[in-house]
Amino acid sequence: MIQAHVFYSGRVQGVGFRYTTQRRAVEQGVSGWVRNLPDGRVELLAEGPEAAVEKLLENISSDFERYIGNQEIKYDVPQGSRQGFMIRF
C-alpha cells in the first residue's frame, strides 16, 4: 500500500480533470480525493496498492498529457482510513 500526493499544473482546470480522475480511481480501486486549488493547480491524494496507484497516475498523465504542464509527486505511508474516492470542493 502506498499514498501519492500530487500537484498538477498547466491547463488542468475546466477540462474534466477531477471527474475523470474520480472515475479512473474507482476503476483502479484507489481511495482518496481530488480538488481544484485557487492558484489553478489540481491536488490529488491517492491511496491503495502500489500497482493500482501507479496505474491511476499513468492514466491521468495519458488522459491529460496535453493539459498537464508539470506534476509534483510525493509518496508517503498511507493513512489506511480512507474509503472511496471523492471530489472535494
N, C-alpha and C. Protein backbone atom coordinates (compact mmCIF):
# COMPACT_ATOMS: atom_id res chain seq x y z
N MET A 1 0.84 -1.18 0.00
CA MET A 1 0.00 0.00 0.00
C MET A 1 0.89 1.25 0.00
N ILE A 2 0.48 2.23 -0.81
CA ILE A 2 1.20 3.50 -0.86
C ILE A 2 0.21 4.66 -0.90
N GLN A 3 0.73 5.84 -0.65
CA GLN A 3 -0.03 7.07 -0.79
C GLN A 3 0.76 7.98 -1.72
N ALA A 4 0.06 8.55 -2.70
CA ALA A 4 0.67 9.54 -3.59
C ALA A 4 -0.07 10.86 -3.41
N HIS A 5 0.70 11.93 -3.15
CA HIS A 5 0.14 13.27 -3.03
C HIS A 5 0.71 14.05 -4.22
N VAL A 6 -0.18 14.46 -5.12
CA VAL A 6 0.26 15.02 -6.40
C VAL A 6 -0.35 16.40 -6.62
N PHE A 7 0.47 17.30 -7.14
CA PHE A 7 0.01 18.62 -7.58
C PHE A 7 0.24 18.70 -9.08
N TYR A 8 -0.83 18.95 -9.83
CA TYR A 8 -0.75 19.10 -11.28
C TYR A 8 -0.91 20.58 -11.63
N SER A 9 -0.07 21.07 -12.52
CA SER A 9 -0.22 22.43 -13.01
C SER A 9 -0.26 22.41 -14.53
N GLY A 10 -0.65 23.52 -15.09
CA GLY A 10 -0.86 23.64 -16.53
C GLY A 10 -2.27 24.13 -16.75
N ARG A 11 -2.91 23.63 -17.78
CA ARG A 11 -4.33 23.97 -18.01
C ARG A 11 -5.16 22.79 -17.53
N VAL A 12 -5.21 22.59 -16.22
CA VAL A 12 -5.82 21.39 -15.65
C VAL A 12 -7.19 21.65 -15.02
N GLN A 13 -7.65 22.88 -15.02
CA GLN A 13 -9.00 23.16 -14.53
C GLN A 13 -9.91 23.48 -15.70
N GLY A 14 -11.16 23.03 -15.60
CA GLY A 14 -12.14 23.29 -16.66
C GLY A 14 -12.05 22.32 -17.82
N VAL A 15 -11.36 21.18 -17.63
CA VAL A 15 -11.20 20.21 -18.71
C VAL A 15 -11.70 18.81 -18.30
N GLY A 16 -12.46 18.73 -17.19
CA GLY A 16 -12.97 17.44 -16.72
C GLY A 16 -11.96 16.62 -15.94
N PHE A 17 -10.93 17.27 -15.46
CA PHE A 17 -9.84 16.58 -14.77
C PHE A 17 -10.31 15.85 -13.52
N ARG A 18 -11.07 16.53 -12.65
CA ARG A 18 -11.50 15.92 -11.40
C ARG A 18 -12.44 14.75 -11.63
N TYR A 19 -13.38 14.90 -12.54
CA TYR A 19 -14.37 13.85 -12.77
C TYR A 19 -13.73 12.62 -13.43
N THR A 20 -12.83 12.86 -14.36
CA THR A 20 -12.12 11.75 -14.99
C THR A 20 -11.22 11.05 -13.98
N THR A 21 -10.56 11.82 -13.13
CA THR A 21 -9.70 11.24 -12.10
C THR A 21 -10.52 10.39 -11.14
N GLN A 22 -11.69 10.87 -10.75
CA GLN A 22 -12.54 10.09 -9.85
C GLN A 22 -12.95 8.77 -10.51
N ARG A 23 -13.35 8.83 -11.76
CA ARG A 23 -13.76 7.61 -12.48
C ARG A 23 -12.60 6.63 -12.58
N ARG A 24 -11.43 7.13 -12.93
CA ARG A 24 -10.24 6.28 -13.05
C ARG A 24 -9.85 5.67 -11.70
N ALA A 25 -9.96 6.44 -10.63
CA ALA A 25 -9.62 5.94 -9.30
C ALA A 25 -10.56 4.81 -8.89
N VAL A 26 -11.84 4.99 -9.14
CA VAL A 26 -12.81 3.95 -8.82
C VAL A 26 -12.52 2.69 -9.63
N GLU A 27 -12.19 2.85 -10.90
CA GLU A 27 -11.83 1.69 -11.75
C GLU A 27 -10.65 0.92 -11.18
N GLN A 28 -9.69 1.63 -10.60
CA GLN A 28 -8.49 1.00 -10.06
C GLN A 28 -8.63 0.56 -8.60
N GLY A 29 -9.74 0.93 -7.96
CA GLY A 29 -9.92 0.59 -6.56
C GLY A 29 -9.06 1.42 -5.62
N VAL A 30 -8.77 2.65 -6.04
CA VAL A 30 -7.93 3.56 -5.26
C VAL A 30 -8.83 4.50 -4.46
N SER A 31 -8.47 4.78 -3.22
CA SER A 31 -9.23 5.72 -2.41
C SER A 31 -8.50 7.05 -2.33
N GLY A 32 -9.23 8.08 -1.89
CA GLY A 32 -8.63 9.40 -1.74
C GLY A 32 -9.54 10.51 -2.22
N TRP A 33 -8.94 11.57 -2.75
CA TRP A 33 -9.70 12.73 -3.20
C TRP A 33 -8.91 13.55 -4.21
N VAL A 34 -9.64 14.44 -4.89
CA VAL A 34 -9.05 15.36 -5.86
C VAL A 34 -9.79 16.69 -5.72
N ARG A 35 -9.06 17.80 -5.88
CA ARG A 35 -9.70 19.11 -5.79
C ARG A 35 -8.94 20.15 -6.60
N ASN A 36 -9.68 21.19 -7.02
CA ASN A 36 -9.07 22.35 -7.66
C ASN A 36 -8.51 23.26 -6.58
N LEU A 37 -7.41 23.91 -6.87
CA LEU A 37 -6.82 24.89 -5.97
C LEU A 37 -7.02 26.29 -6.54
N PRO A 38 -7.08 27.31 -5.68
CA PRO A 38 -7.30 28.68 -6.16
C PRO A 38 -6.22 29.18 -7.12
N ASP A 39 -5.02 28.60 -7.06
CA ASP A 39 -3.93 29.07 -7.93
C ASP A 39 -3.93 28.41 -9.31
N GLY A 40 -4.97 27.61 -9.61
CA GLY A 40 -5.09 26.99 -10.93
C GLY A 40 -4.59 25.57 -11.01
N ARG A 41 -3.97 25.07 -9.95
CA ARG A 41 -3.50 23.70 -9.93
C ARG A 41 -4.61 22.75 -9.48
N VAL A 42 -4.36 21.45 -9.65
CA VAL A 42 -5.24 20.41 -9.13
C VAL A 42 -4.41 19.58 -8.16
N GLU A 43 -5.00 19.27 -7.01
CA GLU A 43 -4.34 18.47 -5.98
C GLU A 43 -5.02 17.11 -5.89
N LEU A 44 -4.22 16.06 -5.81
CA LEU A 44 -4.71 14.68 -5.74
C LEU A 44 -4.04 13.97 -4.57
N LEU A 45 -4.84 13.24 -3.80
CA LEU A 45 -4.32 12.34 -2.79
C LEU A 45 -4.90 10.97 -3.09
N ALA A 46 -4.04 10.00 -3.38
CA ALA A 46 -4.49 8.66 -3.77
C ALA A 46 -3.80 7.61 -2.91
N GLU A 47 -4.58 6.66 -2.41
CA GLU A 47 -4.05 5.57 -1.60
C GLU A 47 -4.56 4.24 -2.12
N GLY A 48 -3.68 3.24 -2.03
CA GLY A 48 -4.08 1.90 -2.44
C GLY A 48 -2.86 1.06 -2.72
N PRO A 49 -3.11 -0.11 -3.29
CA PRO A 49 -1.97 -0.96 -3.68
C PRO A 49 -1.07 -0.20 -4.66
N GLU A 50 0.22 -0.40 -4.55
CA GLU A 50 1.17 0.35 -5.37
C GLU A 50 0.85 0.27 -6.86
N ALA A 51 0.55 -0.92 -7.36
CA ALA A 51 0.26 -1.07 -8.79
C ALA A 51 -0.97 -0.28 -9.20
N ALA A 52 -1.99 -0.24 -8.35
CA ALA A 52 -3.22 0.48 -8.66
C ALA A 52 -2.99 1.99 -8.66
N VAL A 53 -2.25 2.49 -7.69
CA VAL A 53 -1.96 3.93 -7.63
C VAL A 53 -1.11 4.34 -8.83
N GLU A 54 -0.10 3.55 -9.15
CA GLU A 54 0.75 3.86 -10.30
C GLU A 54 -0.06 3.84 -11.60
N LYS A 55 -0.97 2.89 -11.74
CA LYS A 55 -1.83 2.81 -12.93
C LYS A 55 -2.71 4.04 -13.01
N LEU A 56 -3.26 4.48 -11.88
CA LEU A 56 -4.07 5.69 -11.86
C LEU A 56 -3.26 6.89 -12.34
N LEU A 57 -2.05 7.05 -11.83
CA LEU A 57 -1.22 8.18 -12.24
C LEU A 57 -0.85 8.11 -13.72
N GLU A 58 -0.61 6.90 -14.22
CA GLU A 58 -0.34 6.73 -15.65
C GLU A 58 -1.55 7.12 -16.47
N ASN A 59 -2.74 6.69 -16.04
CA ASN A 59 -3.97 7.03 -16.76
C ASN A 59 -4.20 8.53 -16.80
N ILE A 60 -3.99 9.19 -15.66
CA ILE A 60 -4.17 10.64 -15.62
C ILE A 60 -3.19 11.33 -16.57
N SER A 61 -1.93 10.91 -16.53
CA SER A 61 -0.92 11.50 -17.42
C SER A 61 -1.28 11.29 -18.88
N SER A 62 -1.78 10.12 -19.20
CA SER A 62 -2.17 9.81 -20.57
C SER A 62 -3.42 10.59 -20.99
N ASP A 63 -4.43 10.60 -20.13
CA ASP A 63 -5.70 11.28 -20.45
C ASP A 63 -5.52 12.79 -20.62
N PHE A 64 -4.61 13.39 -19.85
CA PHE A 64 -4.46 14.84 -19.83
C PHE A 64 -3.08 15.31 -20.23
N GLU A 65 -2.38 14.52 -21.03
CA GLU A 65 -1.00 14.86 -21.39
C GLU A 65 -0.87 16.23 -22.04
N ARG A 66 -1.87 16.65 -22.81
CA ARG A 66 -1.74 17.95 -23.46
C ARG A 66 -2.13 19.11 -22.55
N TYR A 67 -2.66 18.82 -21.36
CA TYR A 67 -3.06 19.86 -20.41
C TYR A 67 -2.09 20.00 -19.23
N ILE A 68 -1.41 18.91 -18.88
CA ILE A 68 -0.50 18.94 -17.73
C ILE A 68 0.83 19.56 -18.13
N GLY A 69 1.19 20.63 -17.45
CA GLY A 69 2.48 21.26 -17.69
C GLY A 69 3.55 20.70 -16.76
N ASN A 70 3.14 20.38 -15.54
CA ASN A 70 4.06 19.86 -14.54
C ASN A 70 3.28 19.06 -13.51
N GLN A 71 3.95 18.08 -12.93
CA GLN A 71 3.35 17.35 -11.82
C GLN A 71 4.42 17.11 -10.76
N GLU A 72 4.04 17.36 -9.51
CA GLU A 72 4.92 17.14 -8.37
C GLU A 72 4.31 15.99 -7.56
N ILE A 73 5.05 14.90 -7.42
CA ILE A 73 4.55 13.73 -6.70
C ILE A 73 5.38 13.48 -5.46
N LYS A 74 4.70 13.29 -4.35
CA LYS A 74 5.35 12.91 -3.10
C LYS A 74 4.69 11.61 -2.62
N TYR A 75 5.50 10.59 -2.39
CA TYR A 75 4.98 9.32 -1.89
C TYR A 75 5.15 9.28 -0.38
N ASP A 76 4.17 8.65 0.28
CA ASP A 76 4.20 8.57 1.73
C ASP A 76 3.52 7.28 2.17
N VAL A 77 3.58 7.03 3.46
CA VAL A 77 2.89 5.88 4.03
C VAL A 77 1.40 6.20 4.06
N PRO A 78 0.55 5.29 3.57
CA PRO A 78 -0.89 5.57 3.55
C PRO A 78 -1.50 5.65 4.94
N GLN A 79 -2.55 6.44 5.06
CA GLN A 79 -3.29 6.55 6.31
C GLN A 79 -4.11 5.28 6.57
N GLY A 80 -4.60 4.68 5.48
CA GLY A 80 -5.36 3.44 5.59
C GLY A 80 -6.81 3.61 6.02
N SER A 81 -7.19 4.81 6.42
CA SER A 81 -8.55 5.02 6.90
C SER A 81 -9.48 5.58 5.82
N ARG A 82 -8.95 5.85 4.65
CA ARG A 82 -9.77 6.44 3.58
C ARG A 82 -10.58 5.35 2.88
N GLN A 83 -11.83 5.68 2.61
CA GLN A 83 -12.69 4.76 1.89
C GLN A 83 -13.32 5.51 0.73
N GLY A 84 -13.28 4.93 -0.45
CA GLY A 84 -13.86 5.56 -1.61
C GLY A 84 -12.99 6.70 -2.14
N PHE A 85 -13.47 7.31 -3.19
CA PHE A 85 -12.74 8.41 -3.81
C PHE A 85 -13.72 9.55 -4.06
N MET A 86 -13.38 10.74 -3.62
CA MET A 86 -14.31 11.84 -3.75
C MET A 86 -13.68 13.08 -4.38
N ILE A 87 -14.54 13.92 -4.89
CA ILE A 87 -14.13 15.23 -5.39
C ILE A 87 -14.40 16.22 -4.27
N ARG A 88 -13.38 16.94 -3.88
CA ARG A 88 -13.54 17.97 -2.84
C ARG A 88 -13.78 19.30 -3.50
N PHE A 89 -14.63 20.09 -2.88
CA PHE A 89 -14.93 21.42 -3.40
C PHE A 89 -14.51 22.48 -2.42
